Amino acid sequence: MVVTTEGLPGFEITAVLGEVLGVVASSRNPFAVGIRSTEGGPGQDMSQFLVQTRSRAVGQMVQAAEHRGATAIVGMRFDHRDVTNTWVELCAYGTAVVAVPIHARTGAHAAA
Protein backbone atom coordinates (compact mmCIF):
# COMPACT_ATOMS: atom_id res chain seq x y z
CA MET A 1 0.00 0.00 0.00
CA VAL A 2 1.40 3.40 -1.01
CA VAL A 3 -0.13 6.60 0.35
CA THR A 4 0.75 10.28 0.29
CA THR A 5 -0.54 10.74 3.86
CA GLU A 6 1.61 10.36 6.95
CA GLY A 7 -0.63 7.70 8.49
CA LEU A 8 -2.93 4.86 7.50
CA PRO A 9 -6.46 4.97 8.92
CA GLY A 10 -7.37 1.53 10.21
CA PHE A 11 -3.72 0.48 10.53
CA GLU A 12 -1.10 0.78 13.23
CA ILE A 13 2.46 1.54 12.13
CA THR A 14 4.59 -0.82 14.20
CA ALA A 15 7.98 -0.09 12.61
CA VAL A 16 9.55 2.64 10.50
CA LEU A 17 12.15 1.15 8.16
CA GLY A 18 13.36 4.35 6.55
CA GLU A 19 13.32 6.15 3.22
CA VAL A 20 12.86 4.23 -0.01
CA LEU A 21 13.01 5.57 -3.53
CA GLY A 22 12.64 4.71 -7.17
CA VAL A 23 14.49 6.63 -9.86
CA VAL A 24 13.84 6.84 -13.60
CA ALA A 25 15.90 8.85 -16.08
CA SER A 26 14.18 10.16 -19.17
CA SER A 27 15.17 12.17 -22.20
CA ARG A 28 13.96 15.76 -22.39
CA ASN A 29 13.28 15.09 -26.08
CA PRO A 30 9.87 13.35 -26.27
CA PHE A 31 10.58 12.15 -29.80
CA ALA A 32 13.77 10.35 -28.64
CA VAL A 33 11.65 8.12 -26.37
CA GLY A 34 9.23 7.18 -29.13
CA ILE A 35 6.52 9.80 -28.78
CA ARG A 36 5.32 10.81 -32.20
CA SER A 37 3.28 13.79 -31.09
CA THR A 38 2.97 15.79 -27.89
CA GLU A 39 -0.66 16.39 -28.90
CA GLY A 40 -1.64 12.70 -29.11
CA GLY A 41 -2.39 10.86 -32.33
CA PRO A 42 -0.75 7.66 -33.57
CA GLY A 43 1.70 6.01 -31.24
CA GLN A 44 2.20 6.82 -27.60
CA ASP A 45 1.10 10.27 -26.48
CA MET A 46 2.85 12.40 -23.88
CA SER A 47 0.38 11.90 -21.03
CA GLN A 48 0.52 8.10 -21.39
CA PHE A 49 4.32 8.25 -21.36
CA LEU A 50 4.34 10.39 -18.21
CA VAL A 51 1.96 8.03 -16.40
CA GLN A 52 4.14 5.04 -17.35
CA THR A 53 7.31 6.84 -16.22
CA ARG A 54 5.78 7.65 -12.82
CA SER A 55 4.54 4.07 -12.52
CA ARG A 56 8.04 2.74 -13.15
CA ALA A 57 9.46 5.01 -10.44
CA VAL A 58 6.75 3.96 -7.96
CA GLY A 59 7.30 0.30 -8.86
CA GLN A 60 11.01 0.58 -8.08
CA MET A 61 10.20 2.28 -4.78
CA VAL A 62 7.73 -0.48 -3.84
CA GLN A 63 10.32 -3.18 -4.67
CA ALA A 64 12.86 -1.42 -2.42
CA ALA A 65 10.30 -1.28 0.41
CA GLU A 66 9.35 -4.95 0.02
CA HIS A 67 13.05 -5.89 0.04
CA ARG A 68 13.32 -4.20 3.46
CA GLY A 69 10.26 -6.03 4.79
CA ALA A 70 7.79 -3.14 4.57
CA THR A 71 4.06 -3.63 4.20
CA ALA A 72 3.35 0.00 3.23
CA ILE A 73 4.89 3.29 2.18
CA VAL A 74 3.68 6.54 3.75
CA GLY A 75 4.40 10.12 2.75
CA MET A 76 5.02 9.24 -0.91
CA ARG A 77 6.12 12.16 -3.09
CA PHE A 78 7.58 12.80 -6.53
CA ASP A 79 10.56 14.96 -7.33
CA HIS A 80 12.54 15.67 -10.47
CA ARG A 81 15.77 17.33 -11.48
CA ASP A 82 17.80 17.99 -14.58
CA VAL A 83 20.71 15.58 -14.85
CA THR A 84 22.09 17.11 -18.05
CA ASN A 85 20.67 19.36 -20.75
CA THR A 86 18.99 16.33 -22.32
CA TRP A 87 18.15 14.07 -19.35
CA VAL A 88 15.73 14.43 -16.45
CA GLU A 89 15.56 12.31 -13.29
CA LEU A 90 12.14 11.47 -11.84
CA CYS A 91 12.21 10.21 -8.27
CA ALA A 92 9.38 8.65 -6.24
CA TYR A 93 10.19 8.53 -2.53
CA GLY A 94 8.53 7.82 0.77
CA THR A 95 8.95 6.12 4.13
CA ALA A 96 8.81 2.32 4.29
CA VAL A 97 6.82 1.07 7.28
CA VAL A 98 5.35 -2.06 8.74
CA ALA A 99 1.62 -1.47 9.17
CA VAL A 100 -0.84 -3.91 10.69
CA PRO A 101 -4.63 -3.68 10.57
CA ILE A 102 -6.36 -2.49 13.72
CA HIS A 103 -9.14 -4.98 14.33
CA ALA A 104 -12.51 -3.53 15.30
CA ARG A 105 -13.26 -4.21 18.93
CA THR A 106 -16.35 -6.18 19.69
CA GLY A 107 -18.58 -5.32 22.63
CA ALA A 108 -17.20 -8.24 24.68
CA HIS A 109 -13.57 -7.26 24.15
CA ALA A 110 -14.17 -3.55 24.75
CA ALA A 111 -15.83 -4.29 28.12
CA ALA A 112 -12.99 -6.52 29.34
C-alpha atoms as a PDB file:
ATOM      1  CA  MET A   1       0.000   0.000   0.000  1.00  0.00           C
ATOM      2  CA  VAL A   2       1.396   3.402  -1.010  1.00  0.00           C
ATOM      3  CA  VAL A   3      -0.132   6.602   0.345  1.00  0.00           C
ATOM      4  CA  THR A   4       0.750  10.285   0.295  1.00  0.00           C
ATOM      5  CA  THR A   5      -0.542  10.739   3.855  1.00  0.00           C
ATOM      6  CA  GLU A   6       1.615  10.359   6.954  1.00  0.00           C
ATOM      7  CA  GLY A   7      -0.632   7.704   8.489  1.00  0.00           C
ATOM      8  CA  LEU A   8      -2.930   4.863   7.498  1.00  0.00           C
ATOM      9  CA  PRO A   9      -6.458   4.967   8.917  1.00  0.00           C
ATOM     10  CA  GLY A  10      -7.372   1.527  10.214  1.00  0.00           C
ATOM     11  CA  PHE A  11      -3.723   0.479  10.533  1.00  0.00           C
ATOM     12  CA  GLU A  12      -1.101   0.781  13.231  1.00  0.00           C
ATOM     13  CA  ILE A  13       2.455   1.535  12.133  1.00  0.00           C
ATOM     14  CA  THR A  14       4.593  -0.824  14.201  1.00  0.00           C
ATOM     15  CA  ALA A  15       7.979  -0.093  12.610  1.00  0.00           C
ATOM     16  CA  VAL A  16       9.548   2.638  10.505  1.00  0.00           C
ATOM     17  CA  LEU A  17      12.146   1.146   8.164  1.00  0.00           C
ATOM     18  CA  GLY A  18      13.361   4.353   6.551  1.00  0.00           C
ATOM     19  CA  GLU A  19      13.317   6.145   3.215  1.00  0.00           C
ATOM     20  CA  VAL A  20      12.859   4.233  -0.006  1.00  0.00           C
ATOM     21  CA  LEU A  21      13.010   5.568  -3.526  1.00  0.00           C
ATOM     22  CA  GLY A  22      12.636   4.709  -7.171  1.00  0.00           C
ATOM     23  CA  VAL A  23      14.489   6.631  -9.859  1.00  0.00           C
ATOM     24  CA  VAL A  24      13.835   6.840 -13.597  1.00  0.00           C
ATOM     25  CA  ALA A  25      15.899   8.847 -16.078  1.00  0.00           C
ATOM     26  CA  SER A  26      14.181  10.164 -19.168  1.00  0.00           C
ATOM     27  CA  SER A  27      15.169  12.169 -22.200  1.00  0.00           C
ATOM     28  CA  ARG A  28      13.962  15.760 -22.392  1.00  0.00           C
ATOM     29  CA  ASN A  29      13.279  15.090 -26.077  1.00  0.00           C
ATOM     30  CA  PRO A  30       9.872  13.354 -26.267  1.00  0.00           C
ATOM     31  CA  PHE A  31      10.584  12.145 -29.803  1.00  0.00           C
ATOM     32  CA  ALA A  32      13.766  10.349 -28.637  1.00  0.00           C
ATOM     33  CA  VAL A  33      11.650   8.120 -26.371  1.00  0.00           C
ATOM     34  CA  GLY A  34       9.234   7.177 -29.133  1.00  0.00           C
ATOM     35  CA  ILE A  35       6.518   9.798 -28.778  1.00  0.00           C
ATOM     36  CA  ARG A  36       5.322  10.811 -32.198  1.00  0.00           C
ATOM     37  CA  SER A  37       3.281  13.794 -31.088  1.00  0.00           C
ATOM     38  CA  THR A  38       2.967  15.786 -27.892  1.00  0.00           C
ATOM     39  CA  GLU A  39      -0.661  16.388 -28.903  1.00  0.00           C
ATOM     40  CA  GLY A  40      -1.640  12.699 -29.110  1.00  0.00           C
ATOM     41  CA  GLY A  41      -2.389  10.858 -32.331  1.00  0.00           C
ATOM     42  CA  PRO A  42      -0.753   7.663 -33.572  1.00  0.00           C
ATOM     43  CA  GLY A  43       1.696   6.008 -31.236  1.00  0.00           C
ATOM     44  CA  GLN A  44       2.198   6.821 -27.599  1.00  0.00           C
ATOM     45  CA  ASP A  45       1.098  10.267 -26.476  1.00  0.00           C
ATOM     46  CA  MET A  46       2.847  12.403 -23.879  1.00  0.00           C
ATOM     47  CA  SER A  47       0.375  11.901 -21.029  1.00  0.00           C
ATOM     48  CA  GLN A  48       0.519   8.101 -21.393  1.00  0.00           C
ATOM     49  CA  PHE A  49       4.320   8.250 -21.356  1.00  0.00           C
ATOM     50  CA  LEU A  50       4.336  10.394 -18.207  1.00  0.00           C
ATOM     51  CA  VAL A  51       1.956   8.027 -16.404  1.00  0.00           C
ATOM     52  CA  GLN A  52       4.140   5.045 -17.352  1.00  0.00           C
ATOM     53  CA  THR A  53       7.306   6.840 -16.220  1.00  0.00           C
ATOM     54  CA  ARG A  54       5.781   7.653 -12.822  1.00  0.00           C
ATOM     55  CA  SER A  55       4.535   4.071 -12.517  1.00  0.00           C
ATOM     56  CA  ARG A  56       8.039   2.744 -13.146  1.00  0.00           C
ATOM     57  CA  ALA A  57       9.461   5.012 -10.438  1.00  0.00           C
ATOM     58  CA  VAL A  58       6.746   3.962  -7.959  1.00  0.00           C
ATOM     59  CA  GLY A  59       7.303   0.297  -8.864  1.00  0.00           C
ATOM     60  CA  GLN A  60      11.013   0.581  -8.084  1.00  0.00           C
ATOM     61  CA  MET A  61      10.203   2.283  -4.780  1.00  0.00           C
ATOM     62  CA  VAL A  62       7.730  -0.485  -3.842  1.00  0.00           C
ATOM     63  CA  GLN A  63      10.322  -3.175  -4.665  1.00  0.00           C
ATOM     64  CA  ALA A  64      12.858  -1.423  -2.424  1.00  0.00           C
ATOM     65  CA  ALA A  65      10.299  -1.278   0.406  1.00  0.00           C
ATOM     66  CA  GLU A  66       9.346  -4.954   0.019  1.00  0.00           C
ATOM     67  CA  HIS A  67      13.049  -5.890   0.044  1.00  0.00           C
ATOM     68  CA  ARG A  68      13.319  -4.201   3.463  1.00  0.00           C
ATOM     69  CA  GLY A  69      10.256  -6.030   4.794  1.00  0.00           C
ATOM     70  CA  ALA A  70       7.787  -3.136   4.568  1.00  0.00           C
ATOM     71  CA  THR A  71       4.058  -3.632   4.196  1.00  0.00           C
ATOM     72  CA  ALA A  72       3.350  -0.002   3.232  1.00  0.00           C
ATOM     73  CA  ILE A  73       4.891   3.295   2.176  1.00  0.00           C
ATOM     74  CA  VAL A  74       3.683   6.536   3.748  1.00  0.00           C
ATOM     75  CA  GLY A  75       4.396  10.124   2.749  1.00  0.00           C
ATOM     76  CA  MET A  76       5.018   9.244  -0.908  1.00  0.00           C
ATOM     77  CA  ARG A  77       6.116  12.159  -3.092  1.00  0.00           C
ATOM     78  CA  PHE A  78       7.580  12.801  -6.535  1.00  0.00           C
ATOM     79  CA  ASP A  79      10.565  14.964  -7.328  1.00  0.00           C
ATOM     80  CA  HIS A  80      12.540  15.673 -10.466  1.00  0.00           C
ATOM     81  CA  ARG A  81      15.774  17.334 -11.480  1.00  0.00           C
ATOM     82  CA  ASP A  82      17.804  17.994 -14.584  1.00  0.00           C
ATOM     83  CA  VAL A  83      20.707  15.577 -14.850  1.00  0.00           C
ATOM     84  CA  THR A  84      22.092  17.112 -18.052  1.00  0.00           C
ATOM     85  CA  ASN A  85      20.673  19.360 -20.747  1.00  0.00           C
ATOM     86  CA  THR A  86      18.994  16.334 -22.315  1.00  0.00           C
ATOM     87  CA  TRP A  87      18.152  14.074 -19.347  1.00  0.00           C
ATOM     88  CA  VAL A  88      15.734  14.433 -16.445  1.00  0.00           C
ATOM     89  CA  GLU A  89      15.561  12.314 -13.294  1.00  0.00           C
ATOM     90  CA  LEU A  90      12.145  11.466 -11.841  1.00  0.00           C
ATOM     91  CA  CYS A  91      12.205  10.210  -8.268  1.00  0.00           C
ATOM     92  CA  ALA A  92       9.385   8.648  -6.239  1.00  0.00           C
ATOM     93  CA  TYR A  93      10.186   8.535  -2.530  1.00  0.00           C
ATOM     94  CA  GLY A  94       8.531   7.824   0.774  1.00  0.00           C
ATOM     95  CA  THR A  95       8.945   6.119   4.127  1.00  0.00           C
ATOM     96  CA  ALA A  96       8.812   2.321   4.290  1.00  0.00           C
ATOM     97  CA  VAL A  97       6.818   1.073   7.283  1.00  0.00           C
ATOM     98  CA  VAL A  98       5.349  -2.064   8.741  1.00  0.00           C
ATOM     99  CA  ALA A  99       1.619  -1.470   9.168  1.00  0.00           C
ATOM    100  CA  VAL A 100      -0.837  -3.915  10.691  1.00  0.00           C
ATOM    101  CA  PRO A 101      -4.631  -3.676  10.573  1.00  0.00           C
ATOM    102  CA  ILE A 102      -6.363  -2.490  13.719  1.00  0.00           C
ATOM    103  CA  HIS A 103      -9.143  -4.975  14.328  1.00  0.00           C
ATOM    104  CA  ALA A 104     -12.510  -3.528  15.297  1.00  0.00           C
ATOM    105  CA  ARG A 105     -13.256  -4.210  18.928  1.00  0.00           C
ATOM    106  CA  THR A 106     -16.346  -6.183  19.685  1.00  0.00           C
ATOM    107  CA  GLY A 107     -18.579  -5.318  22.632  1.00  0.00           C
ATOM    108  CA  ALA A 108     -17.199  -8.239  24.679  1.00  0.00           C
ATOM    109  CA  HIS A 109     -13.568  -7.259  24.145  1.00  0.00           C
ATOM    110  CA  ALA A 110     -14.171  -3.550  24.750  1.00  0.00           C
ATOM    111  CA  ALA A 111     -15.826  -4.285  28.117  1.00  0.00           C
ATOM    112  CA  ALA A 112     -12.987  -6.516  29.339  1.00  0.00           C
END
